[in-house]
Amino acid sequence: MKLFRSICLGEYSLLKRGRFTAATNPMSGTRFAESLEDAYKWGELMAYDPAFIIVEIEIPNEIADDFFRIEWLDNVGPARYAEIPQLVDAIIIGFQNVDWL
């Protein structure tokens, strides 16, 4: 399954190492959009400064199906929440700067 996440430039510098790490907030995981378009919408809602990047991952369906799923989050679309240990098998496919949209 492919999933997408809009990230700030600081998170991008961490992900360039090839793995997800826990943020400094109380949540020990991260949310993903199920479509590129929804990830872009969430990036705009977050109002990252100066810009944001979208990361695309691929993860086995049987693992992604265990993620907590919300059918309609923030009036945008479906989202999945994964704890960091659940992302061990995630393959980071690439990063997209939103300027191309």
C-alpha atoms as a PDB file:
ATOM      1  CA  MET A   1       0.000   0.000   0.000  1.00  0.00           C
ATOM      2  CA  LYS A   2       1.214   3.500  -0.779  1.00  0.00           C
ATOM      3  CA  LEU A   3       0.652   6.230   1.802  1.00  0.00           C
ATOM      4  CA  PHE A   4       1.579   9.910   1.825  1.00  0.00           C
ATOM      5  CA  ARG A   5       2.542  12.459   4.467  1.00  0.00           C
ATOM      6  CA  SER A   6       3.153  16.188   4.280  1.00  0.00           C
ATOM      7  CA  ILE A   7       6.175  17.131   6.337  1.00  0.00           C
ATOM      8  CA  CYS A   8       8.051  20.267   7.294  1.00  0.00           C
ATOM      9  CA  LEU A   9      11.612  20.807   6.184  1.00  0.00           C
ATOM     10  CA  GLY A  10      12.924  19.767   9.621  1.00  0.00           C
ATOM     11  CA  GLU A  11      11.212  16.392   9.451  1.00  0.00           C
ATOM     12  CA  TYR A  12      12.500  16.004   5.890  1.00  0.00           C
ATOM     13  CA  SER A  13      16.091  16.301   7.079  1.00  0.00           C
ATOM     14  CA  LEU A  14      15.442  13.444   9.544  1.00  0.00           C
ATOM     15  CA  LEU A  15      13.716  11.244   6.971  1.00  0.00           C
ATOM     16  CA  LYS A  16      16.567  11.586   4.488  1.00  0.00           C
ATOM     17  CA  ARG A  17      18.310   9.078   6.767  1.00  0.00           C
ATOM     18  CA  GLY A  18      15.750   6.554   5.580  1.00  0.00           C
ATOM     19  CA  ARG A  19      13.624   5.922   8.648  1.00  0.00           C
ATOM     20  CA  PHE A  20      10.891   7.421  10.769  1.00  0.00           C
ATOM     21  CA  THR A  21      11.633   8.604  14.285  1.00  0.00           C
ATOM     22  CA  ALA A  22       9.355   9.760  17.064  1.00  0.00           C
ATOM     23  CA  ALA A  23       8.692  13.461  17.292  1.00  0.00           C
ATOM     24  CA  THR A  24       9.162  15.463  20.462  1.00  0.00           C
ATOM     25  CA  ASN A  25       5.400  15.721  21.016  1.00  0.00           C
ATOM     26  CA  PRO A  26       3.344  13.275  23.113  1.00  0.00           C
ATOM     27  CA  MET A  27       2.288  11.260  20.062  1.00  0.00           C
ATOM     28  CA  SER A  28       4.622   8.375  19.351  1.00  0.00           C
ATOM     29  CA  GLY A  29       3.523   7.924  15.781  1.00  0.00           C
ATOM     30  CA  THR A  30       2.461   9.733  12.663  1.00  0.00           C
ATOM     31  CA  ARG A  31      -0.530  10.178  10.361  1.00  0.00           C
ATOM     32  CA  PHE A  32      -0.634   9.361   6.673  1.00  0.00           C
ATOM     33  CA  ALA A  33      -3.023  10.289   3.897  1.00  0.00           C
ATOM     34  CA  GLU A  34      -4.200   7.593   1.558  1.00  0.00           C
ATOM     35  CA  SER A  35      -3.807   9.865  -1.473  1.00  0.00           C
ATOM     36  CA  LEU A  36      -1.292  12.402  -2.701  1.00  0.00           C
ATOM     37  CA  GLU A  37      -4.030  14.995  -3.105  1.00  0.00           C
ATOM     38  CA  ASP A  38      -5.114  14.659   0.534  1.00  0.00           C
ATOM     39  CA  ALA A  39      -1.505  14.903   1.756  1.00  0.00           C
ATOM     40  CA  TYR A  40      -1.215  18.170  -0.158  1.00  0.00           C
ATOM     41  CA  LYS A  41      -4.427  19.478   1.483  1.00  0.00           C
ATOM     42  CA  TRP A  42      -3.101  18.602   4.950  1.00  0.00           C
ATOM     43  CA  GLY A  43       0.184  20.324   4.150  1.00  0.00           C
ATOM     44  CA  GLU A  44      -1.723  23.484   3.310  1.00  0.00           C
ATOM     45  CA  LEU A  45      -3.769  23.214   6.527  1.00  0.00           C
ATOM     46  CA  MET A  46      -0.597  22.888   8.612  1.00  0.00           C
ATOM     47  CA  ALA A  47       0.771  26.106   7.085  1.00  0.00           C
ATOM     48  CA  TYR A  48       4.371  24.965   7.244  1.00  0.00           C
ATOM     49  CA  ASP A  49       6.852  27.789   6.860  1.00  0.00           C
ATOM     50  CA  PRO A  50       8.385  28.276   4.379  1.00  0.00           C
ATOM     51  CA  ALA A  51       7.163  25.165   2.591  1.00  0.00           C
ATOM     52  CA  PHE A  52       6.399  21.500   2.932  1.00  0.00           C
ATOM     53  CA  ILE A  53       7.368  18.300   1.208  1.00  0.00           C
ATOM     54  CA  ILE A  54       5.314  15.184   0.669  1.00  0.00           C
ATOM     55  CA  VAL A  55       6.881  11.832   1.464  1.00  0.00           C
ATOM     56  CA  GLU A  56       5.544   8.715  -0.218  1.00  0.00           C
ATOM     57  CA  ILE A  57       5.966   5.349   1.468  1.00  0.00           C
ATOM     58  CA  GLU A  58       5.093   1.806   0.592  1.00  0.00           C
ATOM     59  CA  ILE A  59       4.208  -0.678   3.289  1.00  0.00           C
ATOM     60  CA  PRO A  60       2.784  -4.212   3.126  1.00  0.00           C
ATOM     61  CA  ASN A  61      -1.029  -4.222   3.150  1.00  0.00           C
ATOM     62  CA  GLU A  62      -1.206  -6.577   6.118  1.00  0.00           C
ATOM     63  CA  ILE A  63       0.749  -4.052   8.202  1.00  0.00           C
ATOM     64  CA  ALA A  64      -1.098  -0.970   6.907  1.00  0.00           C
ATOM     65  CA  ASP A  65      -4.403  -2.686   7.690  1.00  0.00           C
ATOM     66  CA  ASP A  66      -3.369  -2.698  11.363  1.00  0.00           C
ATOM     67  CA  PHE A  67      -2.915   1.091  11.417  1.00  0.00           C
ATOM     68  CA  PHE A  68      -5.664   3.079  13.125  1.00  0.00           C
ATOM     69  CA  ARG A  69      -7.834   4.407  10.282  1.00  0.00           C
ATOM     70  CA  ILE A  70     -10.177   7.390  10.278  1.00  0.00           C
ATOM     71  CA  GLU A  71     -12.575   7.578   7.351  1.00  0.00           C
ATOM     72  CA  TRP A  72     -12.807  11.385   7.297  1.00  0.00           C
ATOM     73  CA  LEU A  73     -10.209  13.505   9.143  1.00  0.00           C
ATOM     74  CA  ASP A  74     -10.210  17.318   9.231  1.00  0.00           C
ATOM     75  CA  ASN A  75     -12.780  17.468   6.407  1.00  0.00           C
ATOM     76  CA  VAL A  76     -10.072  16.256   4.023  1.00  0.00           C
ATOM     77  CA  GLY A  77     -10.284  12.493   3.652  1.00  0.00           C
ATOM     78  CA  PRO A  78      -9.225   9.136   5.058  1.00  0.00           C
ATOM     79  CA  ALA A  79      -6.112   8.950   7.217  1.00  0.00           C
ATOM     80  CA  ARG A  80      -4.112   6.251   8.937  1.00  0.00           C
ATOM     81  CA  TYR A  81      -2.157   6.585  12.149  1.00  0.00           C
ATOM     82  CA  ALA A  82       0.886   4.389  12.736  1.00  0.00           C
ATOM     83  CA  GLU A  83       3.113   4.007  15.764  1.00  0.00           C
ATOM     84  CA  ILE A  84       6.827   4.302  14.954  1.00  0.00           C
ATOM     85  CA  PRO A  85       7.518   0.556  15.517  1.00  0.00           C
ATOM     86  CA  GLN A  86       4.843  -0.254  12.917  1.00  0.00           C
ATOM     87  CA  LEU A  87       6.873   1.658  10.305  1.00  0.00           C
ATOM     88  CA  VAL A  88       9.954  -0.580  10.459  1.00  0.00           C
ATOM     89  CA  ASP A  89       9.007  -2.236   7.149  1.00  0.00           C
ATOM     90  CA  ALA A  90       8.045   1.027   5.450  1.00  0.00           C
ATOM     91  CA  ILE A  91       9.975   1.800   2.307  1.00  0.00           C
ATOM     92  CA  ILE A  92      10.398   5.489   1.602  1.00  0.00           C
ATOM     93  CA  ILE A  93       9.755   5.736  -2.132  1.00  0.00           C
ATOM     94  CA  GLY A  94      10.546   9.400  -2.478  1.00  0.00           C
ATOM     95  CA  PHE A  95       9.947  13.008  -1.650  1.00  0.00           C
ATOM     96  CA  GLN A  96       8.033  15.576  -3.647  1.00  0.00           C
ATOM     97  CA  ASN A  97       8.316  19.293  -3.273  1.00  0.00           C
ATOM     98  CA  VAL A  98       4.849  20.793  -3.522  1.00  0.00           C
ATOM     99  CA  ASP A  99       5.986  23.322  -6.135  1.00  0.00           C
ATOM    100  CA  TRP A 100       5.261  20.750  -8.830  1.00  0.00           C
ATOM    101  CA  LEU A 101       1.504  20.719  -8.032  1.00  0.00           C
END
